[in-house]
Amino acid sequence: TIEPDLFADCDPHLARIALENLLGNAWKYSRNTPQPRIEFGRVPHSVTNAPMFFVRDNGAGFDMSRSDRLFKPFTRLHQPSEFQGSGIGLATVHRIIERHGGQIHGEGEVGRGAVFQFVFGRTIRD
């Protein structure tokens, strides 16, 4: 599910890379879920002037006690036998968001999915 009319003031090439990684992860970690659901939208009330977005899934999730490792390069929270990957995707997303002056945060629950909220750090120009 993709919320309509989403806009951000950001580099479109870098934003595409970030979204491909976030949506790709949601797809990958939801593949074994009987009724997978992936959502991309905007957080209704952001504490910043810039819009805050989210990517949410109901897939494998992750243990929050290990969340400090989420955005570190070549670090994985799942075994390679469970899900393939290099461990570079979220680190790339983190760098892109930081380059824009923004922030990203992830939350998850094992077996119940994950949500990543992020803001590019700039307000929308009228």
PDB file of N, CA and C in Angstrom:
ATOM      1  N   THR A   1       0.845  -1.168   0.000  1.00  0.00           N
ATOM      2  CA  THR A   1       0.000   0.000   0.000  1.00  0.00           C
ATOM      3  C   THR A   1       0.890   1.231   0.000  1.00  0.00           C
ATOM      4  N   ILE A   2       0.641   2.132  -0.942  1.00  0.00           N
ATOM      5  CA  ILE A   2       1.407   3.373  -1.026  1.00  0.00           C
ATOM      6  C   ILE A   2       0.447   4.543  -0.895  1.00  0.00           C
ATOM      7  N   GLU A   3       0.691   5.357   0.107  1.00  0.00           N
ATOM      8  CA  GLU A   3      -0.130   6.546   0.310  1.00  0.00           C
ATOM      9  C   GLU A   3       0.059   7.490  -0.879  1.00  0.00           C
ATOM     10  N   PRO A   4      -1.014   8.081  -1.373  1.00  0.00           N
ATOM     11  CA  PRO A   4      -0.868   8.998  -2.510  1.00  0.00           C
ATOM     12  C   PRO A   4      -0.279  10.344  -2.093  1.00  0.00           C
ATOM     13  N   ASP A   5       0.219  11.055  -3.088  1.00  0.00           N
ATOM     14  CA  ASP A   5       0.673  12.443  -2.926  1.00  0.00           C
ATOM     15  C   ASP A   5       1.786  12.613  -1.898  1.00  0.00           C
ATOM     16  N   LEU A   6       2.785  11.757  -1.938  1.00  0.00           N
ATOM     17  CA  LEU A   6       3.947  11.889  -1.053  1.00  0.00           C
ATOM     18  C   LEU A   6       5.001  12.738  -1.752  1.00  0.00           C
ATOM     19  N   PHE A   7       5.505  13.744  -1.045  1.00  0.00           N
ATOM     20  CA  PHE A   7       6.511  14.644  -1.586  1.00  0.00           C
ATOM     21  C   PHE A   7       7.591  14.891  -0.545  1.00  0.00           C
ATOM     22  N   ALA A   8       8.826  15.061  -1.023  1.00  0.00           N
ATOM     23  CA  ALA A   8       9.934  15.414  -0.138  1.00  0.00           C
ATOM     24  C   ALA A   8      10.925  16.259  -0.924  1.00  0.00           C
ATOM     25  N   ASP A   9      11.609  17.152  -0.237  1.00  0.00           N
ATOM     26  CA  ASP A   9      12.673  17.942  -0.844  1.00  0.00           C
ATOM     27  C   ASP A   9      13.963  17.163  -0.629  1.00  0.00           C
ATOM     28  N   CYS A  10      14.388  16.445  -1.670  1.00  0.00           N
ATOM     29  CA  CYS A  10      15.561  15.583  -1.541  1.00  0.00           C
ATOM     30  C   CYS A  10      16.130  15.297  -2.927  1.00  0.00           C
ATOM     31  N   ASP A  11      17.302  14.718  -2.935  1.00  0.00           N
ATOM     32  CA  ASP A  11      17.908  14.280  -4.181  1.00  0.00           C
ATOM     33  C   ASP A  11      17.116  13.060  -4.677  1.00  0.00           C
ATOM     34  N   PRO A  12      16.503  13.136  -5.849  1.00  0.00           N
ATOM     35  CA  PRO A  12      15.648  12.034  -6.302  1.00  0.00           C
ATOM     36  C   PRO A  12      16.401  10.723  -6.528  1.00  0.00           C
ATOM     37  N   HIS A  13      17.635  10.793  -6.988  1.00  0.00           N
ATOM     38  CA  HIS A  13      18.414   9.569  -7.207  1.00  0.00           C
ATOM     39  C   HIS A  13      18.711   8.878  -5.877  1.00  0.00           C
ATOM     40  N   LEU A  14      19.155   9.656  -4.892  1.00  0.00           N
ATOM     41  CA  LEU A  14      19.466   9.071  -3.585  1.00  0.00           C
ATOM     42  C   LEU A  14      18.193   8.588  -2.877  1.00  0.00           C
ATOM     43  N   ALA A  15      17.105   9.339  -3.021  1.00  0.00           N
ATOM     44  CA  ALA A  15      15.836   8.922  -2.410  1.00  0.00           C
ATOM     45  C   ALA A  15      15.384   7.588  -2.999  1.00  0.00           C
ATOM     46  N   ARG A  16      15.570   7.428  -4.293  1.00  0.00           N
ATOM     47  CA  ARG A  16      15.183   6.165  -4.934  1.00  0.00           C
ATOM     48  C   ARG A  16      15.992   4.999  -4.366  1.00  0.00           C
ATOM     49  N   ILE A  17      17.290   5.201  -4.191  1.00  0.00           N
ATOM     50  CA  ILE A  17      18.145   4.153  -3.623  1.00  0.00           C
ATOM     51  C   ILE A  17      17.680   3.806  -2.207  1.00  0.00           C
ATOM     52  N   ALA A  18      17.388   4.825  -1.413  1.00  0.00           N
ATOM     53  CA  ALA A  18      16.926   4.585  -0.040  1.00  0.00           C
ATOM     54  C   ALA A  18      15.620   3.801  -0.041  1.00  0.00           C
ATOM     55  N   LEU A  19      14.667   4.223  -0.856  1.00  0.00           N
ATOM     56  CA  LEU A  19      13.372   3.539  -0.897  1.00  0.00           C
ATOM     57  C   LEU A  19      13.486   2.126  -1.456  1.00  0.00           C
ATOM     58  N   GLU A  20      14.339   1.926  -2.459  1.00  0.00           N
ATOM     59  CA  GLU A  20      14.542   0.573  -2.983  1.00  0.00           C
ATOM     60  C   GLU A  20      15.070  -0.350  -1.894  1.00  0.00           C
ATOM     61  N   ASN A  21      15.977   0.160  -1.065  1.00  0.00           N
ATOM     62  CA  ASN A  21      16.507  -0.661   0.025  1.00  0.00           C
ATOM     63  C   ASN A  21      15.450  -0.939   1.084  1.00  0.00           C
ATOM     64  N   LEU A  22      14.718   0.087   1.499  1.00  0.00           N
ATOM     65  CA  LEU A  22      13.703  -0.101   2.538  1.00  0.00           C
ATOM     66  C   LEU A  22      12.562  -1.006   2.067  1.00  0.00           C
ATOM     67  N   LEU A  23      12.056  -0.754   0.864  1.00  0.00           N
ATOM     68  CA  LEU A  23      10.964  -1.576   0.336  1.00  0.00           C
ATOM     69  C   LEU A  23      11.458  -2.985  -0.011  1.00  0.00           C
ATOM     70  N   GLY A  24      12.683  -3.087  -0.498  1.00  0.00           N
ATOM     71  CA  GLY A  24      13.269  -4.397  -0.781  1.00  0.00           C
ATOM     72  C   GLY A  24      13.416  -5.234   0.476  1.00  0.00           C
ATOM     73  N   ASN A  25      13.840  -4.603   1.568  1.00  0.00           N
ATOM     74  CA  ASN A  25      13.932  -5.323   2.838  1.00  0.00           C
ATOM     75  C   ASN A  25      12.553  -5.771   3.314  1.00  0.00           C
ATOM     76  N   ALA A  26      11.578  -4.875   3.209  1.00  0.00           N
ATOM     77  CA  ALA A  26      10.213  -5.233   3.630  1.00  0.00           C
ATOM     78  C   ALA A  26       9.721  -6.436   2.829  1.00  0.00           C
ATOM     79  N   TRP A  27       9.979  -6.425   1.538  1.00  0.00           N
ATOM     80  CA  TRP A  27       9.587  -7.537   0.671  1.00  0.00           C
ATOM     81  C   TRP A  27      10.309  -8.821   1.088  1.00  0.00           C
ATOM     82  N   LYS A  28      11.627  -8.718   1.269  1.00  0.00           N
ATOM     83  CA  LYS A  28      12.429  -9.895   1.614  1.00  0.00           C
ATOM     84  C   LYS A  28      12.000 -10.504   2.942  1.00  0.00           C
ATOM     85  N   TYR A  29      11.829  -9.665   3.956  1.00  0.00           N
ATOM     86  CA  TYR A  29      11.530 -10.180   5.292  1.00  0.00           C
ATOM     87  C   TYR A  29      10.058 -10.522   5.490  1.00  0.00           C
ATOM     88  N   SER A  30       9.238 -10.275   4.482  1.00  0.00           N
ATOM     89  CA  SER A  30       7.819 -10.642   4.543  1.00  0.00           C
ATOM     90  C   SER A  30       7.497 -11.852   3.669  1.00  0.00           C
ATOM     91  N   ARG A  31       8.475 -12.345   2.958  1.00  0.00           N
ATOM     92  CA  ARG A  31       8.202 -13.402   1.975  1.00  0.00           C
ATOM     93  C   ARG A  31       7.634 -14.683   2.579  1.00  0.00           C
ATOM     94  N   ASN A  32       7.919 -14.969   3.840  1.00  0.00           N
ATOM     95  CA  ASN A  32       7.406 -16.188   4.479  1.00  0.00           C
ATOM     96  C   ASN A  32       6.132 -15.938   5.289  1.00  0.00           C
ATOM     97  N   THR A  33       5.607 -14.734   5.217  1.00  0.00           N
ATOM     98  CA  THR A  33       4.401 -14.369   5.955  1.00  0.00           C
ATOM     99  C   THR A  33       3.185 -14.784   5.123  1.00  0.00           C
ATOM    100  N   PRO A  34       2.222 -15.484   5.741  1.00  0.00           N
ATOM    101  CA  PRO A  34       1.057 -15.951   4.974  1.00  0.00           C
ATOM    102  C   PRO A  34       0.289 -14.850   4.240  1.00  0.00           C
ATOM    103  N   GLN A  35       0.075 -13.727   4.864  1.00  0.00           N
ATOM    104  CA  GLN A  35      -0.603 -12.598   4.219  1.00  0.00           C
ATOM    105  C   GLN A  35       0.265 -11.350   4.391  1.00  0.00           C
ATOM    106  N   PRO A  36       1.322 -11.241   3.574  1.00  0.00           N
ATOM    107  CA  PRO A  36       2.244 -10.111   3.740  1.00  0.00           C
ATOM    108  C   PRO A  36       1.577  -8.780   3.441  1.00  0.00           C
ATOM    109  N   ARG A  37       2.006  -7.776   4.183  1.00  0.00           N
ATOM    110  CA  ARG A  37       1.505  -6.416   3.965  1.00  0.00           C
ATOM    111  C   ARG A  37       2.686  -5.458   4.110  1.00  0.00           C
ATOM    112  N   ILE A  38       2.877  -4.626   3.096  1.00  0.00           N
ATOM    113  CA  ILE A  38       3.928  -3.619   3.109  1.00  0.00           C
ATOM    114  C   ILE A  38       3.257  -2.277   2.865  1.00  0.00           C
ATOM    115  N   GLU A  39       3.616  -1.280   3.685  1.00  0.00           N
ATOM    116  CA  GLU A  39       3.023   0.044   3.566  1.00  0.00           C
ATOM    117  C   GLU A  39       4.126   1.095   3.475  1.00  0.00           C
ATOM    118  N   PHE A  40       3.882   2.088   2.632  1.00  0.00           N
ATOM    119  CA  PHE A  40       4.751   3.249   2.544  1.00  0.00           C
ATOM    120  C   PHE A  40       3.850   4.471   2.652  1.00  0.00           C
ATOM    121  N   GLY A  41       4.140   5.322   3.632  1.00  0.00           N
ATOM    122  CA  GLY A  41       3.285   6.482   3.830  1.00  0.00           C
ATOM    123  C   GLY A  41       3.970   7.572   4.620  1.00  0.00           C
ATOM    124  N   ARG A  42       3.162   8.512   5.036  1.00  0.00           N
ATOM    125  CA  ARG A  42       3.638   9.669   5.796  1.00  0.00           C
ATOM    126  C   ARG A  42       3.069   9.606   7.204  1.00  0.00           C
ATOM    127  N   VAL A  43       3.919   9.879   8.183  1.00  0.00           N
ATOM    128  CA  VAL A  43       3.481   9.958   9.576  1.00  0.00           C
ATOM    129  C   VAL A  43       2.599  11.206   9.685  1.00  0.00           C
ATOM    130  N   PRO A  44       1.372  11.058  10.206  1.00  0.00           N
ATOM    131  CA  PRO A  44       0.436  12.194  10.205  1.00  0.00           C
ATOM    132  C   PRO A  44       0.940  13.451  10.902  1.00  0.00           C
ATOM    133  N   HIS A  45       1.587  13.310  12.036  1.00  0.00           N
ATOM    134  CA  HIS A  45       2.015  14.481  12.797  1.00  0.00           C
ATOM    135  C   HIS A  45       3.501  14.353  13.108  1.00  0.00           C
ATOM    136  N   SER A  46       4.297  15.086  12.387  1.00  0.00           N
ATOM    137  CA  SER A  46       5.741  15.067  12.572  1.00  0.00           C
ATOM    138  C   SER A  46       6.150  16.210  13.494  1.00  0.00           C
ATOM    139  N   VAL A  47       7.160  15.980  14.321  1.00  0.00           N
ATOM    140  CA  VAL A  47       7.656  17.027  15.216  1.00  0.00           C
ATOM    141  C   VAL A  47       8.570  18.006  14.484  1.00  0.00           C
ATOM    142  N   THR A  48       8.941  17.663  13.249  1.00  0.00           N
ATOM    143  CA  THR A  48       9.769  18.567  12.446  1.00  0.00           C
ATOM    144  C   THR A  48       8.890  19.251  11.405  1.00  0.00           C
ATOM    145  N   ASN A  49       9.431  20.258  10.760  1.00  0.00           N
ATOM    146  CA  ASN A  49       8.709  20.894   9.661  1.00  0.00           C
ATOM    147  C   ASN A  49       8.765  20.055   8.399  1.00  0.00           C
ATOM    148  N   ALA A  50       9.730  19.163   8.326  1.00  0.00           N
ATOM    149  CA  ALA A  50       9.869  18.289   7.166  1.00  0.00           C
ATOM    150  C   ALA A  50       8.948  17.073   7.333  1.00  0.00           C
ATOM    151  N   PRO A  51       8.423  16.550   6.239  1.00  0.00           N
ATOM    152  CA  PRO A  51       7.550  15.385   6.350  1.00  0.00           C
ATOM    153  C   PRO A  51       8.321  14.153   6.811  1.00  0.00           C
ATOM    154  N   MET A  52       7.700  13.363   7.679  1.00  0.00           N
ATOM    155  CA  MET A  52       8.285  12.110   8.136  1.00  0.00           C
ATOM    156  C   MET A  52       7.537  10.967   7.460  1.00  0.00           C
ATOM    157  N   PHE A  53       8.300  10.048   6.892  1.00  0.00           N
ATOM    158  CA  PHE A  53       7.744   8.927   6.155  1.00  0.00           C
ATOM    159  C   PHE A  53       7.981   7.627   6.907  1.00  0.00           C
ATOM    160  N   PHE A  54       7.282   6.570   6.491  1.00  0.00           N
ATOM    161  CA  PHE A  54       7.501   5.251   7.087  1.00  0.00           C
ATOM    162  C   PHE A  54       7.383   4.175   6.017  1.00  0.00           C
ATOM    163  N   VAL A  55       8.106   3.091   6.254  1.00  0.00           N
ATOM    164  CA  VAL A  55       7.941   1.837   5.536  1.00  0.00           C
ATOM    165  C   VAL A  55       7.697   0.792   6.605  1.00  0.00           C
ATOM    166  N   ARG A  56       6.554   0.113   6.495  1.00  0.00           N
ATOM    167  CA  ARG A  56       6.140  -0.852   7.528  1.00  0.00           C
ATOM    168  C   ARG A  56       5.785  -2.174   6.856  1.00  0.00           C
ATOM    169  N   ASP A  57       6.118  -3.261   7.544  1.00  0.00           N
ATOM    170  CA  ASP A  57       5.742  -4.592   7.052  1.00  0.00           C
ATOM    171  C   ASP A  57       5.310  -5.460   8.226  1.00  0.00           C
ATOM    172  N   ASN A  58       4.705  -6.580   7.909  1.00  0.00           N
ATOM    173  CA  ASN A  58       4.279  -7.532   8.942  1.00  0.00           C
ATOM    174  C   ASN A  58       5.078  -8.829   8.836  1.00  0.00           C
ATOM    175  N   GLY A  59       6.340  -8.709   8.461  1.00  0.00           N
ATOM    176  CA  GLY A  59       7.190  -9.869   8.232  1.00  0.00           C
ATOM    177  C   GLY A  59       7.915 -10.380   9.462  1.00  0.00           C
ATOM    178  N   ALA A  60       9.162 -10.772   9.257  1.00  0.00           N
ATOM    179  CA  ALA A  60       9.957 -11.443  10.289  1.00  0.00           C
ATOM    180  C   ALA A  60      10.264 -10.552  11.487  1.00  0.00           C
ATOM    181  N   GLY A  61      10.367  -9.242  11.265  1.00  0.00           N
ATOM    182  CA  GLY A  61      10.707  -8.339  12.366  1.00  0.00           C
ATOM    183  C   GLY A  61      12.124  -8.579  12.857  1.00  0.00           C
ATOM    184  N   PHE A  62      12.442  -8.002  14.008  1.00  0.00           N
ATOM    185  CA  PHE A  62      13.760  -8.196  14.600  1.00  0.00           C
ATOM    186  C   PHE A  62      13.681  -7.927  16.095  1.00  0.00           C
ATOM    187  N   ASP A  63      14.685  -8.405  16.803  1.00  0.00           N
ATOM    188  CA  ASP A  63      14.784  -8.243  18.244  1.00  0.00           C
ATOM    189  C   ASP A  63      15.309  -6.844  18.558  1.00  0.00           C
ATOM    190  N   MET A  64      14.510  -6.037  19.239  1.00  0.00           N
ATOM    191  CA  MET A  64      14.893  -4.659  19.549  1.00  0.00           C
ATOM    192  C   MET A  64      16.145  -4.574  20.423  1.00  0.00           C
ATOM    193  N   SER A  65      16.478  -5.622  21.140  1.00  0.00           N
ATOM    194  CA  SER A  65      17.679  -5.578  21.975  1.00  0.00           C
ATOM    195  C   SER A  65      18.941  -5.496  21.110  1.00  0.00           C
ATOM    196  N   ARG A  66      18.799  -5.770  19.809  1.00  0.00           N
ATOM    197  CA  ARG A  66      19.940  -5.697  18.892  1.00  0.00           C
ATOM    198  C   ARG A  66      19.807  -4.531  17.922  1.00  0.00           C
ATOM    199  N   SER A  67      18.867  -3.630  18.166  1.00  0.00           N
ATOM    200  CA  SER A  67      18.582  -2.543  17.225  1.00  0.00           C
ATOM    201  C   SER A  67      19.741  -1.564  17.064  1.00  0.00           C
ATOM    202  N   ASP A  68      20.661  -1.532  18.008  1.00  0.00           N
ATOM    203  CA  ASP A  68      21.811  -0.634  17.881  1.00  0.00           C
ATOM    204  C   ASP A  68      22.707  -1.027  16.707  1.00  0.00           C
ATOM    205  N   ARG A  69      22.501  -2.212  16.167  1.00  0.00           N
ATOM    206  CA  ARG A  69      23.314  -2.711  15.055  1.00  0.00           C
ATOM    207  C   ARG A  69      22.640  -2.510  13.698  1.00  0.00           C
ATOM    208  N   LEU A  70      21.431  -2.002  13.676  1.00  0.00           N
ATOM    209  CA  LEU A  70      20.637  -1.906  12.453  1.00  0.00           C
ATOM    210  C   LEU A  70      21.358  -1.216  11.299  1.00  0.00           C
ATOM    211  N   PHE A  71      21.996  -0.107  11.558  1.00  0.00           N
ATOM    212  CA  PHE A  71      22.533   0.736  10.488  1.00  0.00           C
ATOM    213  C   PHE A  71      24.045   0.620  10.334  1.00  0.00           C
ATOM    214  N   LYS A  72      24.644  -0.397  10.951  1.00  0.00           N
ATOM    215  CA  LYS A  72      26.091  -0.607  10.831  1.00  0.00           C
ATOM    216  C   LYS A  72      26.381  -1.454   9.589  1.00  0.00           C
ATOM    217  N   PRO A  73      27.375  -1.048   8.795  1.00  0.00           N
ATOM    218  CA  PRO A  73      27.682  -1.795   7.572  1.00  0.00           C
ATOM    219  C   PRO A  73      28.081  -3.242   7.855  1.00  0.00           C
ATOM    220  N   PHE A  74      27.628  -4.120   6.993  1.00  0.00           N
ATOM    221  CA  PHE A  74      27.946  -5.555   7.028  1.00  0.00           C
ATOM    222  C   PHE A  74      27.487  -6.238   8.304  1.00  0.00           C
ATOM    223  N   THR A  75      26.496  -5.665   8.946  1.00  0.00           N
ATOM    224  CA  THR A  75      25.930  -6.252  10.157  1.00  0.00           C
ATOM    225  C   THR A  75      24.529  -6.746   9.831  1.00  0.00           C
ATOM    226  N   ARG A  76      24.230  -7.960  10.248  1.00  0.00           N
ATOM    227  CA  ARG A  76      22.922  -8.543   9.968  1.00  0.00           C
ATOM    228  C   ARG A  76      22.287  -8.998  11.273  1.00  0.00           C
ATOM    229  N   LEU A  77      20.974  -8.878  11.365  1.00  0.00           N
ATOM    230  CA  LEU A  77      20.252  -9.324  12.552  1.00  0.00           C
ATOM    231  C   LEU A  77      19.631 -10.702  12.360  1.00  0.00           C
ATOM    232  N   HIS A  78      19.703 -11.231  11.140  1.00  0.00           N
ATOM    233  CA  HIS A  78      19.191 -12.567  10.837  1.00  0.00           C
ATOM    234  C   HIS A  78      20.314 -13.409  10.259  1.00  0.00           C
ATOM    235  N   GLN A  79      20.180 -14.698  10.377  1.00  0.00           N
ATOM    236  CA  GLN A  79      21.179 -15.621   9.834  1.00  0.00           C
ATOM    237  C   GLN A  79      21.094 -15.651   8.310  1.00  0.00           C
ATOM    238  N   PRO A  80      22.238 -15.800   7.622  1.00  0.00           N
ATOM    239  CA  PRO A  80      22.223 -15.889   6.150  1.00  0.00           C
ATOM    240  C   PRO A  80      21.349 -17.040   5.642  1.00  0.00           C
ATOM    241  N   SER A  81      21.204 -18.098   6.444  1.00  0.00           N
ATOM    242  CA  SER A  81      20.354 -19.214   6.028  1.00  0.00           C
ATOM    243  C   SER A  81      18.874 -18.836   6.040  1.00  0.00           C
ATOM    244  N   GLU A  82      18.507 -17.807   6.825  1.00  0.00           N
ATOM    245  CA  GLU A  82      17.121 -17.342   6.877  1.00  0.00           C
ATOM    246  C   GLU A  82      16.821 -16.389   5.722  1.00  0.00           C
ATOM    247  N   PHE A  83      17.686 -15.388   5.553  1.00  0.00           N
ATOM    248  CA  PHE A  83      17.491 -14.353   4.544  1.00  0.00           C
ATOM    249  C   PHE A  83      18.849 -13.958   3.986  1.00  0.00           C
ATOM    250  N   GLN A  84      18.957 -13.958   2.668  1.00  0.00           N
ATOM    251  CA  GLN A  84      20.213 -13.571   2.037  1.00  0.00           C
ATOM    252  C   GLN A  84      20.390 -12.054   2.090  1.00  0.00           C
ATOM    253  N   GLY A  85      21.627 -11.640   1.996  1.00  0.00           N
ATOM    254  CA  GLY A  85      21.928 -10.216   1.953  1.00  0.00           C
ATOM    255  C   GLY A  85      23.349  -9.958   2.399  1.00  0.00           C
ATOM    256  N   SER A  86      23.798  -8.726   2.151  1.00  0.00           N
ATOM    257  CA  SER A  86      25.175  -8.365   2.477  1.00  0.00           C
ATOM    258  C   SER A  86      25.286  -7.573   3.772  1.00  0.00           C
ATOM    259  N   GLY A  87      24.177  -7.028   4.266  1.00  0.00           N
ATOM    260  CA  GLY A  87      24.233  -6.202   5.463  1.00  0.00           C
ATOM    261  C   GLY A  87      24.636  -4.765   5.173  1.00  0.00           C
ATOM    262  N   ILE A  88      24.501  -4.344   3.934  1.00  0.00           N
ATOM    263  CA  ILE A  88      24.899  -2.983   3.579  1.00  0.00           C
ATOM    264  C   ILE A  88      23.690  -2.079   3.291  1.00  0.00           C
ATOM    265  N   GLY A  89      22.512  -2.647   3.062  1.00  0.00           N
ATOM    266  CA  GLY A  89      21.335  -1.883   2.660  1.00  0.00           C
ATOM    267  C   GLY A  89      20.920  -0.801   3.642  1.00  0.00           C
ATOM    268  N   LEU A  90      20.716  -1.148   4.897  1.00  0.00           N
ATOM    269  CA  LEU A  90      20.284  -0.144   5.877  1.00  0.00           C
ATOM    270  C   LEU A  90      21.391   0.859   6.186  1.00  0.00           C
ATOM    271  N   ALA A  91      22.637   0.438   6.100  1.00  0.00           N
ATOM    272  CA  ALA A  91      23.744   1.379   6.287  1.00  0.00           C
ATOM    273  C   ALA A  91      23.728   2.416   5.160  1.00  0.00           C
ATOM    274  N   THR A  92      23.424   1.975   3.957  1.00  0.00           N
ATOM    275  CA  THR A  92      23.322   2.891   2.813  1.00  0.00           C
ATOM    276  C   THR A  92      22.174   3.868   3.020  1.00  0.00           C
ATOM    277  N   VAL A  93      21.023   3.362   3.433  1.00  0.00           N
ATOM    278  CA  VAL A  93      19.864   4.219   3.698  1.00  0.00           C
ATOM    279  C   VAL A  93      20.215   5.262   4.760  1.00  0.00           C
ATOM    280  N   HIS A  94      20.856   4.831   5.820  1.00  0.00           N
ATOM    281  CA  HIS A  94      21.246   5.725   6.909  1.00  0.00           C
ATOM    282  C   HIS A  94      22.133   6.856   6.393  1.00  0.00           C
ATOM    283  N   ARG A  95      23.102   6.524   5.570  1.00  0.00           N
ATOM    284  CA  ARG A  95      24.012   7.545   5.019  1.00  0.00           C
ATOM    285  C   ARG A  95      23.269   8.529   4.121  1.00  0.00           C
ATOM    286  N   ILE A  96      22.342   8.024   3.327  1.00  0.00           N
ATOM    287  CA  ILE A  96      21.562   8.896   2.443  1.00  0.00           C
ATOM    288  C   ILE A  96      20.716   9.866   3.266  1.00  0.00           C
ATOM    289  N   ILE A  97      20.047   9.350   4.262  1.00  0.00           N
ATOM    290  CA  ILE A  97      19.192  10.195   5.104  1.00  0.00           C
ATOM    291  C   ILE A  97      20.049  11.226   5.850  1.00  0.00           C
ATOM    292  N   GLU A  98      21.164  10.804   6.406  1.00  0.00           N
ATOM    293  CA  GLU A  98      22.052  11.741   7.097  1.00  0.00           C
ATOM    294  C   GLU A  98      22.606  12.802   6.154  1.00  0.00           C
ATOM    295  N   ARG A  99      22.927  12.415   4.924  1.00  0.00           N
ATOM    296  CA  ARG A  99      23.451  13.372   3.941  1.00  0.00           C
ATOM    297  C   ARG A  99      22.440  14.488   3.671  1.00  0.00           C
ATOM    298  N   HIS A 100      21.166  14.171   3.828  1.00  0.00           N
ATOM    299  CA  HIS A 100      20.105  15.159   3.647  1.00  0.00           C
ATOM    300  C   HIS A 100      19.825  15.951   4.930  1.00  0.00           C
ATOM    301  N   GLY A 101      20.548  15.657   6.001  1.00  0.00           N
ATOM    302  CA  GLY A 101      20.309  16.336   7.274  1.00  0.00           C
ATOM    303  C   GLY A 101      19.159  15.744   8.054  1.00  0.00           C
ATOM    304  N   GLY A 102      18.765  14.541   7.715  1.00  0.00           N
ATOM    305  CA  GLY A 102      17.619  13.899   8.354  1.00  0.00           C
ATOM    306  C   GLY A 102      17.994  12.822   9.340  1.00  0.00           C
ATOM    307  N   GLN A 103      16.994  12.038   9.704  1.00  0.00           N
ATOM    308  CA  GLN A 103      17.166  10.957  10.666  1.00  0.00           C
ATOM    309  C   GLN A 103      16.313   9.768  10.244  1.00  0.00           C
ATOM    310  N   ILE A 104      16.727   8.577  10.690  1.00  0.00           N
ATOM    311  CA  ILE A 104      15.955   7.361  10.468  1.00  0.00           C
ATOM    312  C   ILE A 104      15.973   6.549  11.749  1.00  0.00           C
ATOM    313  N   HIS A 105      14.876   5.868  11.988  1.00  0.00           N
ATOM    314  CA  HIS A 105      14.732   5.050  13.190  1.00  0.00           C
ATOM    315  C   HIS A 105      13.964   3.788  12.812  1.00  0.00           C
ATOM    316  N   GLY A 106      14.381   2.662  13.342  1.00  0.00           N
ATOM    317  CA  GLY A 106      13.686   1.406  13.074  1.00  0.00           C
ATOM    318  C   GLY A 106      13.197   0.755  14.344  1.00  0.00           C
ATOM    319  N   GLU A 107      12.025   0.151  14.266  1.00  0.00           N
ATOM    320  CA  GLU A 107      11.466  -0.626  15.369  1.00  0.00           C
ATOM    321  C   GLU A 107      10.944  -1.931  14.809  1.00  0.00           C
ATOM    322  N   GLY A 108      11.059  -2.975  15.594  1.00  0.00           N
ATOM    323  CA  GLY A 108      10.564  -4.265  15.145  1.00  0.00           C
ATOM    324  C   GLY A 108      10.180  -5.154  16.301  1.00  0.00           C
ATOM    325  N   GLU A 109       9.477  -6.196  15.957  1.00  0.00           N
ATOM    326  CA  GLU A 109       9.109  -7.230  16.925  1.00  0.00           C
ATOM    327  C   GLU A 109       9.202  -8.554  16.185  1.00  0.00           C
ATOM    328  N   VAL A 110       9.924  -9.498  16.760  1.00  0.00           N
ATOM    329  CA  VAL A 110      10.146 -10.782  16.115  1.00  0.00           C
ATOM    330  C   VAL A 110       8.797 -11.413  15.746  1.00  0.00           C
ATOM    331  N   GLY A 111       8.671 -11.772  14.472  1.00  0.00           N
ATOM    332  CA  GLY A 111       7.466 -12.419  13.979  1.00  0.00           C
ATOM    333  C   GLY A 111       6.285 -11.493  13.728  1.00  0.00           C
ATOM    334  N   ARG A 112       6.463 -10.198  13.998  1.00  0.00           N
ATOM    335  CA  ARG A 112       5.345  -9.255  13.841  1.00  0.00           C
ATOM    336  C   ARG A 112       5.662  -8.082  12.924  1.00  0.00           C
ATOM    337  N   GLY A 113       6.874  -8.054  12.390  1.00  0.00           N
ATOM    338  CA  GLY A 113       7.206  -7.022  11.420  1.00  0.00           C
ATOM    339  C   GLY A 113       8.097  -5.924  11.939  1.00  0.00           C
ATOM    340  N   ALA A 114       8.290  -4.934  11.071  1.00  0.00           N
ATOM    341  CA  ALA A 114       9.179  -3.813  11.369  1.00  0.00           C
ATOM    342  C   ALA A 114       8.615  -2.552  10.748  1.00  0.00           C
ATOM    343  N   VAL A 115       9.031  -1.433  11.297  1.00  0.00           N
ATOM    344  CA  VAL A 115       8.701  -0.131  10.717  1.00  0.00           C
ATOM    345  C   VAL A 115       9.944   0.743  10.787  1.00  0.00           C
ATOM    346  N   PHE A 116      10.202   1.427   9.689  1.00  0.00           N
ATOM    347  CA  PHE A 116      11.297   2.388   9.622  1.00  0.00           C
ATOM    348  C   PHE A 116      10.692   3.751   9.332  1.00  0.00           C
ATOM    349  N   GLN A 117      10.953   4.696  10.227  1.00  0.00           N
ATOM    350  CA  GLN A 117      10.486   6.067  10.054  1.00  0.00           C
ATOM    351  C   GLN A 117      11.691   6.931   9.729  1.00  0.00           C
ATOM    352  N   PHE A 118      11.509   7.835   8.762  1.00  0.00           N
ATOM    353  CA  PHE A 118      12.635   8.662   8.349  1.00  0.00           C
ATOM    354  C   PHE A 118      12.146  10.011   7.864  1.00  0.00           C
ATOM    355  N   VAL A 119      13.045  10.974   7.988  1.00  0.00           N
ATOM    356  CA  VAL A 119      12.794  12.330   7.516  1.00  0.00           C
ATOM    357  C   VAL A 119      14.056  12.778   6.781  1.00  0.00           C
ATOM    358  N   PHE A 120      13.860  13.386   5.624  1.00  0.00           N
ATOM    359  CA  PHE A 120      15.012  13.848   4.857  1.00  0.00           C
ATOM    360  C   PHE A 120      15.626  15.090   5.461  1.00  0.00           C
ATOM    361  N   GLY A 121      14.906  15.797   6.300  1.00  0.00           N
ATOM    362  CA  GLY A 121      15.499  16.918   7.026  1.00  0.00           C
ATOM    363  C   GLY A 121      15.261  18.265   6.435  1.00  0.00           C
ATOM    364  N   ARG A 122      14.509  18.350   5.358  1.00  0.00           N
ATOM    365  CA  ARG A 122      14.236  19.643   4.741  1.00  0.00           C
ATOM    366  C   ARG A 122      12.728  19.784   4.571  1.00  0.00           C
ATOM    367  N   THR A 123      12.265  21.003   4.705  1.00  0.00           N
ATOM    368  CA  THR A 123      10.841  21.253   4.538  1.00  0.00           C
ATOM    369  C   THR A 123      10.488  21.257   3.054  1.00  0.00           C
ATOM    370  N   ILE A 124       9.232  21.006   2.777  1.00  0.00           N
ATOM    371  CA  ILE A 124       8.735  21.052   1.405  1.00  0.00           C
ATOM    372  C   ILE A 124       8.646  22.516   0.970  1.00  0.00           C
ATOM    373  N   ARG A 125       9.129  22.787  -0.211  1.00  0.00           N
ATOM    374  CA  ARG A 125       9.015  24.141  -0.772  1.00  0.00           C
ATOM    375  C   ARG A 125       7.677  24.280  -1.476  1.00  0.00           C
ATOM    376  N   ASP A 126       7.018  25.392  -1.257  1.00  0.00           N
ATOM    377  CA  ASP A 126       5.735  25.629  -1.931  1.00  0.00           C
ATOM    378  C   ASP A 126       5.941  26.076  -3.354  1.00  0.00           C
TER     379      ASP A 126
END
